């Protein structure tokens, strides 16, 4: 499995969904759709997104590449 990072290409807002999609072998659009659907439920989705945005490194800083 790939390391968890935010790729430079394919990101919309911060690249969190694109990074999660690369990490778990899913399309970034599928992860985005799941996130939007999860926002219909009560919970801390936006807080988790912001924490991931702050904690996930950029792809160019780690030397990671998207395959």
PDB file of N, CA and C in Angstrom:
ATOM      1  N   UNK A   1       0.831  -1.187   0.000  1.00  0.00           N
ATOM      2  CA  UNK A   1       0.000   0.000   0.000  1.00  0.00           C
ATOM      3  C   UNK A   1       0.875   1.250   0.000  1.00  0.00           C
ATOM      4  N   UNK A   2       0.343   2.311  -0.551  1.00  0.00           N
ATOM      5  CA  UNK A   2       1.052   3.577  -0.590  1.00  0.00           C
ATOM      6  C   UNK A   2       0.949   4.274   0.750  1.00  0.00           C
ATOM      7  N   UNK A   3       1.869   5.199   0.967  1.00  0.00           N
ATOM      8  CA  UNK A   3       1.806   6.019   2.170  1.00  0.00           C
ATOM      9  C   UNK A   3       0.677   7.031   2.024  1.00  0.00           C
ATOM     10  N   UNK A   4       0.238   7.566   3.124  1.00  0.00           N
ATOM     11  CA  UNK A   4      -0.853   8.536   3.124  1.00  0.00           C
ATOM     12  C   UNK A   4      -0.274   9.931   2.902  1.00  0.00           C
ATOM     13  N   UNK A   5      -0.605  10.548   1.768  1.00  0.00           N
ATOM     14  CA  UNK A   5      -0.159  11.890   1.446  1.00  0.00           C
ATOM     15  C   UNK A   5      -1.177  12.551   0.532  1.00  0.00           C
ATOM     16  N   UNK A   6      -1.071  13.868   0.390  1.00  0.00           N
ATOM     17  CA  UNK A   6      -1.967  14.624  -0.486  1.00  0.00           C
ATOM     18  C   UNK A   6      -1.251  14.859  -1.808  1.00  0.00           C
ATOM     19  N   UNK A   7      -1.703  14.223  -2.892  1.00  0.00           N
ATOM     20  CA  UNK A   7      -1.018  14.397  -4.179  1.00  0.00           C
ATOM     21  C   UNK A   7      -1.203  15.805  -4.731  1.00  0.00           C
ATOM     22  N   UNK A   8      -0.246  16.244  -5.538  1.00  0.00           N
ATOM     23  CA  UNK A   8      -0.332  17.568  -6.145  1.00  0.00           C
ATOM     24  C   UNK A   8      -1.349  17.606  -7.278  1.00  0.00           C
ATOM     25  N   UNK A   9      -1.495  16.522  -8.017  1.00  0.00           N
ATOM     26  CA  UNK A   9      -2.457  16.493  -9.116  1.00  0.00           C
ATOM     27  C   UNK A   9      -3.695  15.716  -8.689  1.00  0.00           C
ATOM     28  N   UNK A  10      -4.838  16.165  -9.165  1.00  0.00           N
ATOM     29  CA  UNK A  10      -6.090  15.494  -8.844  1.00  0.00           C
ATOM     30  C   UNK A  10      -6.775  16.026  -7.606  1.00  0.00           C
ATOM     31  N   UNK A  11      -6.236  17.058  -6.997  1.00  0.00           N
ATOM     32  CA  UNK A  11      -6.880  17.599  -5.804  1.00  0.00           C
ATOM     33  C   UNK A  11      -7.876  18.677  -6.183  1.00  0.00           C
ATOM     34  N   UNK A  12      -8.923  18.793  -5.385  1.00  0.00           N
ATOM     35  CA  UNK A  12      -9.911  19.837  -5.610  1.00  0.00           C
ATOM     36  C   UNK A  12      -9.747  20.941  -4.583  1.00  0.00           C
ATOM     37  N   UNK A  13      -9.925  20.617  -3.331  1.00  0.00           N
ATOM     38  CA  UNK A  13      -9.791  21.637  -2.286  1.00  0.00           C
ATOM     39  C   UNK A  13      -8.431  21.496  -1.608  1.00  0.00           C
ATOM     40  N   UNK A  14      -8.217  20.412  -0.936  1.00  0.00           N
ATOM     41  CA  UNK A  14      -6.955  20.228  -0.230  1.00  0.00           C
ATOM     42  C   UNK A  14      -6.242  18.946  -0.630  1.00  0.00           C
ATOM     43  N   UNK A  15      -6.916  18.063  -1.326  1.00  0.00           N
ATOM     44  CA  UNK A  15      -6.299  16.812  -1.737  1.00  0.00           C
ATOM     45  C   UNK A  15      -6.485  15.674  -0.760  1.00  0.00           C
ATOM     46  N   UNK A  16      -7.298  15.874   0.261  1.00  0.00           N
ATOM     47  CA  UNK A  16      -7.508  14.831   1.262  1.00  0.00           C
ATOM     48  C   UNK A  16      -8.217  13.629   0.650  1.00  0.00           C
ATOM     49  N   UNK A  17      -9.262  13.856  -0.095  1.00  0.00           N
ATOM     50  CA  UNK A  17     -10.005  12.745  -0.703  1.00  0.00           C
ATOM     51  C   UNK A  17      -9.161  12.032  -1.754  1.00  0.00           C
ATOM     52  N   UNK A  18      -8.378  12.780  -2.506  1.00  0.00           N
ATOM     53  CA  UNK A  18      -7.495  12.165  -3.494  1.00  0.00           C
ATOM     54  C   UNK A  18      -6.432  11.316  -2.810  1.00  0.00           C
ATOM     55  N   UNK A  19      -5.902  11.799  -1.701  1.00  0.00           N
ATOM     56  CA  UNK A  19      -4.909  11.033  -0.952  1.00  0.00           C
ATOM     57  C   UNK A  19      -5.489   9.770  -0.342  1.00  0.00           C
ATOM     58  N   UNK A  20      -6.680   9.870   0.199  1.00  0.00           N
ATOM     59  CA  UNK A  20      -7.339   8.688   0.760  1.00  0.00           C
ATOM     60  C   UNK A  20      -7.665   7.680  -0.334  1.00  0.00           C
ATOM     61  N   UNK A  21      -8.073   8.178  -1.491  1.00  0.00           N
ATOM     62  CA  UNK A  21      -8.364   7.286  -2.612  1.00  0.00           C
ATOM     63  C   UNK A  21      -7.123   6.541  -3.075  1.00  0.00           C
ATOM     64  N   UNK A  22      -5.989   7.243  -3.169  1.00  0.00           N
ATOM     65  CA  UNK A  22      -4.739   6.573  -3.549  1.00  0.00           C
ATOM     66  C   UNK A  22      -4.324   5.549  -2.508  1.00  0.00           C
ATOM     67  N   UNK A  23      -4.486   5.881  -1.248  1.00  0.00           N
ATOM     68  CA  UNK A  23      -4.052   4.997  -0.161  1.00  0.00           C
ATOM     69  C   UNK A  23      -4.847   3.699  -0.137  1.00  0.00           C
ATOM     70  N   UNK A  24      -6.145   3.787  -0.379  1.00  0.00           N
ATOM     71  CA  UNK A  24      -7.002   2.609  -0.267  1.00  0.00           C
ATOM     72  C   UNK A  24      -7.417   2.028  -1.613  1.00  0.00           C
ATOM     73  N   UNK A  25      -6.844   2.519  -2.705  1.00  0.00           N
ATOM     74  CA  UNK A  25      -7.104   1.945  -4.018  1.00  0.00           C
ATOM     75  C   UNK A  25      -8.475   2.271  -4.586  1.00  0.00           C
ATOM     76  N   UNK A  26      -9.012   3.420  -4.229  1.00  0.00           N
ATOM     77  CA  UNK A  26     -10.315   3.860  -4.725  1.00  0.00           C
ATOM     78  C   UNK A  26     -10.131   5.092  -5.598  1.00  0.00           C
ATOM     79  N   UNK A  27     -11.136   5.387  -6.380  1.00  0.00           N
ATOM     80  CA  UNK A  27     -11.140   6.619  -7.147  1.00  0.00           C
ATOM     81  C   UNK A  27     -11.361   7.792  -6.189  1.00  0.00           C
ATOM     82  N   UNK A  28     -10.724   8.912  -6.495  1.00  0.00           N
ATOM     83  CA  UNK A  28     -10.917  10.104  -5.668  1.00  0.00           C
ATOM     84  C   UNK A  28     -12.377  10.549  -5.702  1.00  0.00           C
ATOM     85  N   UNK A  29     -13.038  10.363  -6.832  1.00  0.00           N
ATOM     86  CA  UNK A  29     -14.451  10.746  -6.927  1.00  0.00           C
ATOM     87  C   UNK A  29     -15.337   9.885  -6.037  1.00  0.00           C
ATOM     88  N   UNK A  30     -15.008   8.629  -5.870  1.00  0.00           N
ATOM     89  CA  UNK A  30     -15.771   7.752  -4.968  1.00  0.00           C
ATOM     90  C   UNK A  30     -15.607   8.232  -3.529  1.00  0.00           C
ATOM     91  N   UNK A  31     -14.392   8.582  -3.151  1.00  0.00           N
ATOM     92  CA  UNK A  31     -14.150   9.069  -1.788  1.00  0.00           C
ATOM     93  C   UNK A  31     -14.873  10.391  -1.568  1.00  0.00           C
ATOM     94  N   UNK A  32     -14.851  11.258  -2.567  1.00  0.00           N
ATOM     95  CA  UNK A  32     -15.574  12.534  -2.460  1.00  0.00           C
ATOM     96  C   UNK A  32     -17.067  12.315  -2.296  1.00  0.00           C
ATOM     97  N   UNK A  33     -17.617  11.387  -3.075  1.00  0.00           N
ATOM     98  CA  UNK A  33     -19.042  11.080  -2.969  1.00  0.00           C
ATOM     99  C   UNK A  33     -19.380  10.515  -1.589  1.00  0.00           C
ATOM    100  N   UNK A  34     -18.542   9.618  -1.083  1.00  0.00           N
ATOM    101  CA  UNK A  34     -18.768   9.074   0.256  1.00  0.00           C
ATOM    102  C   UNK A  34     -18.697  10.164   1.322  1.00  0.00           C
ATOM    103  N   UNK A  35     -17.781  11.105   1.155  1.00  0.00           N
ATOM    104  CA  UNK A  35     -17.680  12.199   2.121  1.00  0.00           C
ATOM    105  C   UNK A  35     -18.933  13.070   2.091  1.00  0.00           C
ATOM    106  N   UNK A  36     -19.405  13.416   0.890  1.00  0.00           N
ATOM    107  CA  UNK A  36     -20.602  14.249   0.775  1.00  0.00           C
ATOM    108  C   UNK A  36     -21.817  13.525   1.356  1.00  0.00           C
ATOM    109  N   UNK A  37     -21.929  12.243   1.079  1.00  0.00           N
ATOM    110  CA  UNK A  37     -23.044  11.475   1.645  1.00  0.00           C
ATOM    111  C   UNK A  37     -22.934  11.370   3.163  1.00  0.00           C
ATOM    112  N   UNK A  38     -21.718  11.264   3.679  1.00  0.00           N
ATOM    113  CA  UNK A  38     -21.557  11.181   5.135  1.00  0.00           C
ATOM    114  C   UNK A  38     -21.911  12.500   5.808  1.00  0.00           C
ATOM    115  N   UNK A  39     -21.844  13.594   5.075  1.00  0.00           N
ATOM    116  CA  UNK A  39     -22.206  14.890   5.654  1.00  0.00           C
ATOM    117  C   UNK A  39     -23.703  14.989   5.931  1.00  0.00           C
ATOM    118  N   UNK A  40     -24.493  14.107   5.343  1.00  0.00           N
ATOM    119  CA  UNK A  40     -25.925  14.075   5.625  1.00  0.00           C
ATOM    120  C   UNK A  40     -26.211  13.485   7.003  1.00  0.00           C
ATOM    121  N   UNK A  41     -25.256  12.750   7.543  1.00  0.00           N
ATOM    122  CA  UNK A  41     -25.396  12.148   8.869  1.00  0.00           C
ATOM    123  C   UNK A  41     -24.766  13.063   9.916  1.00  0.00           C
ATOM    124  N   UNK A  42     -25.258  12.986  11.143  1.00  0.00           N
ATOM    125  CA  UNK A  42     -24.626  13.796  12.188  1.00  0.00           C
ATOM    126  C   UNK A  42     -23.250  13.227  12.538  1.00  0.00           C
ATOM    127  N   UNK A  43     -22.336  14.116  12.808  1.00  0.00           N
ATOM    128  CA  UNK A  43     -20.996  13.691  13.181  1.00  0.00           C
ATOM    129  C   UNK A  43     -19.953  14.743  12.856  1.00  0.00           C
ATOM    130  N   UNK A  44     -18.729  14.472  13.206  1.00  0.00           N
ATOM    131  CA  UNK A  44     -17.655  15.461  13.050  1.00  0.00           C
ATOM    132  C   UNK A  44     -16.901  15.332  11.721  1.00  0.00           C
ATOM    133  N   UNK A  45     -17.600  15.173  10.612  1.00  0.00           N
ATOM    134  CA  UNK A  45     -16.947  14.955   9.321  1.00  0.00           C
ATOM    135  C   UNK A  45     -16.028  16.114   8.936  1.00  0.00           C
ATOM    136  N   UNK A  46     -16.493  17.333   9.111  1.00  0.00           N
ATOM    137  CA  UNK A  46     -15.685  18.481   8.718  1.00  0.00           C
ATOM    138  C   UNK A  46     -14.455  18.630   9.609  1.00  0.00           C
ATOM    139  N   UNK A  47     -14.607  18.308  10.874  1.00  0.00           N
ATOM    140  CA  UNK A  47     -13.459  18.374  11.783  1.00  0.00           C
ATOM    141  C   UNK A  47     -12.419  17.324  11.392  1.00  0.00           C
ATOM    142  N   UNK A  48     -12.863  16.123  11.064  1.00  0.00           N
ATOM    143  CA  UNK A  48     -11.940  15.068  10.626  1.00  0.00           C
ATOM    144  C   UNK A  48     -11.240  15.475   9.340  1.00  0.00           C
ATOM    145  N   UNK A  49     -11.980  16.096   8.412  1.00  0.00           N
ATOM    146  CA  UNK A  49     -11.386  16.554   7.162  1.00  0.00           C
ATOM    147  C   UNK A  49     -10.306  17.603   7.429  1.00  0.00           C
ATOM    148  N   UNK A  50     -10.592  18.549   8.316  1.00  0.00           N
ATOM    149  CA  UNK A  50      -9.617  19.585   8.639  1.00  0.00           C
ATOM    150  C   UNK A  50      -8.381  19.011   9.329  1.00  0.00           C
ATOM    151  N   UNK A  51      -8.571  18.039  10.194  1.00  0.00           N
ATOM    152  CA  UNK A  51      -7.437  17.398  10.865  1.00  0.00           C
ATOM    153  C   UNK A  51      -6.580  16.640   9.854  1.00  0.00           C
ATOM    154  N   UNK A  52      -7.226  15.918   8.936  1.00  0.00           N
ATOM    155  CA  UNK A  52      -6.469  15.216   7.899  1.00  0.00           C
ATOM    156  C   UNK A  52      -5.730  16.198   6.999  1.00  0.00           C
ATOM    157  N   UNK A  53      -6.350  17.323   6.692  1.00  0.00           N
ATOM    158  CA  UNK A  53      -5.708  18.338   5.872  1.00  0.00           C
ATOM    159  C   UNK A  53      -4.440  18.845   6.550  1.00  0.00           C
ATOM    160  N   UNK A  54      -4.511  19.043   7.853  1.00  0.00           N
ATOM    161  CA  UNK A  54      -3.357  19.554   8.596  1.00  0.00           C
ATOM    162  C   UNK A  54      -2.274  18.495   8.782  1.00  0.00           C
ATOM    163  N   UNK A  55      -2.660  17.228   8.892  1.00  0.00           N
ATOM    164  CA  UNK A  55      -1.692  16.180   9.224  1.00  0.00           C
ATOM    165  C   UNK A  55      -1.086  15.479   8.017  1.00  0.00           C
ATOM    166  N   UNK A  56      -1.811  15.422   6.897  1.00  0.00           N
ATOM    167  CA  UNK A  56      -1.305  14.710   5.722  1.00  0.00           C
ATOM    168  C   UNK A  56      -0.278  15.579   5.002  1.00  0.00           C
ATOM    169  N   UNK A  57       0.909  15.052   4.728  1.00  0.00           N
ATOM    170  CA  UNK A  57       1.912  15.852   4.024  1.00  0.00           C
ATOM    171  C   UNK A  57       1.593  15.969   2.545  1.00  0.00           C
ATOM    172  N   UNK A  58       2.108  17.028   1.918  1.00  0.00           N
ATOM    173  CA  UNK A  58       1.983  17.186   0.474  1.00  0.00           C
ATOM    174  C   UNK A  58       2.842  16.149  -0.227  1.00  0.00           C
ATOM    175  N   UNK A  59       2.428  15.746  -1.402  1.00  0.00           N
ATOM    176  CA  UNK A  59       3.163  14.742  -2.157  1.00  0.00           C
ATOM    177  C   UNK A  59       4.525  15.217  -2.612  1.00  0.00           C
ATOM    178  N   UNK A  60       4.685  16.496  -2.898  1.00  0.00           N
ATOM    179  CA  UNK A  60       5.966  16.983  -3.379  1.00  0.00           C
ATOM    180  C   UNK A  60       6.996  17.089  -2.266  1.00  0.00           C
ATOM    181  N   UNK A  61       6.578  17.272  -1.041  1.00  0.00           N
ATOM    182  CA  UNK A  61       7.521  17.378   0.073  1.00  0.00           C
ATOM    183  C   UNK A  61       8.061  16.027   0.509  1.00  0.00           C
ATOM    184  N   UNK A  62       7.251  14.987   0.374  1.00  0.00           N
ATOM    185  CA  UNK A  62       7.677  13.665   0.821  1.00  0.00           C
ATOM    186  C   UNK A  62       8.388  12.894  -0.266  1.00  0.00           C
ATOM    187  N   UNK A  63       8.367  13.420  -1.483  1.00  0.00           N
ATOM    188  CA  UNK A  63       8.967  12.706  -2.597  1.00  0.00           C
ATOM    189  C   UNK A  63       8.088  11.585  -3.113  1.00  0.00           C
ATOM    190  N   UNK A  64       6.847  11.539  -2.643  1.00  0.00           N
ATOM    191  CA  UNK A  64       5.925  10.477  -3.060  1.00  0.00           C
ATOM    192  C   UNK A  64       5.372  10.798  -4.432  1.00  0.00           C
ATOM    193  N   UNK A  65       5.062   9.756  -5.168  1.00  0.00           N
ATOM    194  CA  UNK A  65       4.497   9.911  -6.500  1.00  0.00           C
ATOM    195  C   UNK A  65       3.154   9.206  -6.565  1.00  0.00           C
ATOM    196  N   UNK A  66       2.261   9.741  -7.372  1.00  0.00           N
ATOM    197  CA  UNK A  66       0.995   9.053  -7.583  1.00  0.00           C
ATOM    198  C   UNK A  66       1.148   8.113  -8.759  1.00  0.00           C
ATOM    199  N   UNK A  67       0.673   6.885  -8.619  1.00  0.00           N
ATOM    200  CA  UNK A  67       0.813   5.885  -9.674  1.00  0.00           C
ATOM    201  C   UNK A  67      -0.495   5.633 -10.338  1.00  0.00           C
TER     202      UNK A  67
END
